[in-house]
């Protein structure tokens, strides 16, 4: 949760919000469900479409690769057409491509349609926070908490919904997202007022210029290696678990629930107690050890189950703190910093699933987890080496409330 430059006085109950805010928050829950939705159905897709783990893992690779590249242009788009049109465009793309993925007959088609889904998600997620902040009653901090609650609920619910619908058919989760997103699109279209373009028009070159600042580059590279471990856990673990879609969904629901709890409540406590960099170093080190344990005892399903669920705590803490660190790591607008960071870190999320699948097929079932553990250990070393660039940094000051709110567009992307 980023400390905004300006705040509004709280008014009324936390839940006393305009219908437009709840419409966007609901859409956020569904959008974030897409991250873990496919976990429970990876093995059923592989079995029914005669695909290898590395081929099925491309569902993550195409999704994350396109999201990373698209993050470079979301600011360009929203600064020209406004937040509402950007949100609706993103929702429409998710609806179309999730429905097409459910109708696919080959693994290649699903992978391609997941790429289109990633584009829609990038447009939506990068714009949703600023929309909630501009529309919500009360303080800006309260609006951000509402957004993070929607994020956590979506991440936790994704595997559960995927497992329940996936027990009927691997196609059902894709159709389910299309239906829910259609409801979200209609609610957003009718309940959210028109939002004109605001702020400075950004260019495609701005994020690359931002990476010249050592602090932002340190955080981005840390996230790149950390995401190798993150998406190895997500994309490969269902294969050695070898359980039903329902069972895998329940396991990753526990993972997502712990992630949500620690990201909203535990991470801020640790930040205040020991500081941002020590918190990230501790959570990343524990995550690397967790992956190493899963690498050693890959044949023990109980170890894998505990490893997945416990990882949620480390990931939740790190996700919150590293996102906040990005916002103050360079003297640039928040959307620009976020676009640069997201482009670099999603590279790790794109490469890891396919590499993990290949290692599992050609080396051993233990190798993907060793790859993840080593990558996260490298993230620890990168962060430790660049920690001096992150001491005492603060988010850039805004000149007005409208500007501050507009800059929040990329805080979670």
Foldseek 3Di string as FASTA:
>chain_A
DADFQDKDAFDDDLPPFFLLLVLLLLLLLLLLLVVQQCLLCLVVQCVVQVHFLLLSLLLQQLLLQLLLVLLLCLLLVCLAANLLVLQLQLLVQLLVLLLQLLVDDHSVSVSVSSNSNSNSSNSNQLRSLLLQQVRTHRISVSSVLSNLLSNLNSQLCNLQLSLVLVLVPNSRSSNVSSVSSVSSSVSNVPRRDTGGRDDDNDDSCLLVVQCVQLLLVLLLLLLQLLLLLVLLLRRQLCVLLVDHSNVSSVLSSLLSNLLSCLLNPVLVVVCVVPHLLVLLLVLLLVLLVLLLQCLVPVNDNVSSSVSSNVNSNSNSNNLNSSLNLQQFLGQDQLSSSLSNSSSRNSVSSNPNSSVLSVCCVPPHPSVSSNSSSVSSVVSSVSSVVSVVSSPPTHHHRDPDPSSSSVSCSRSND
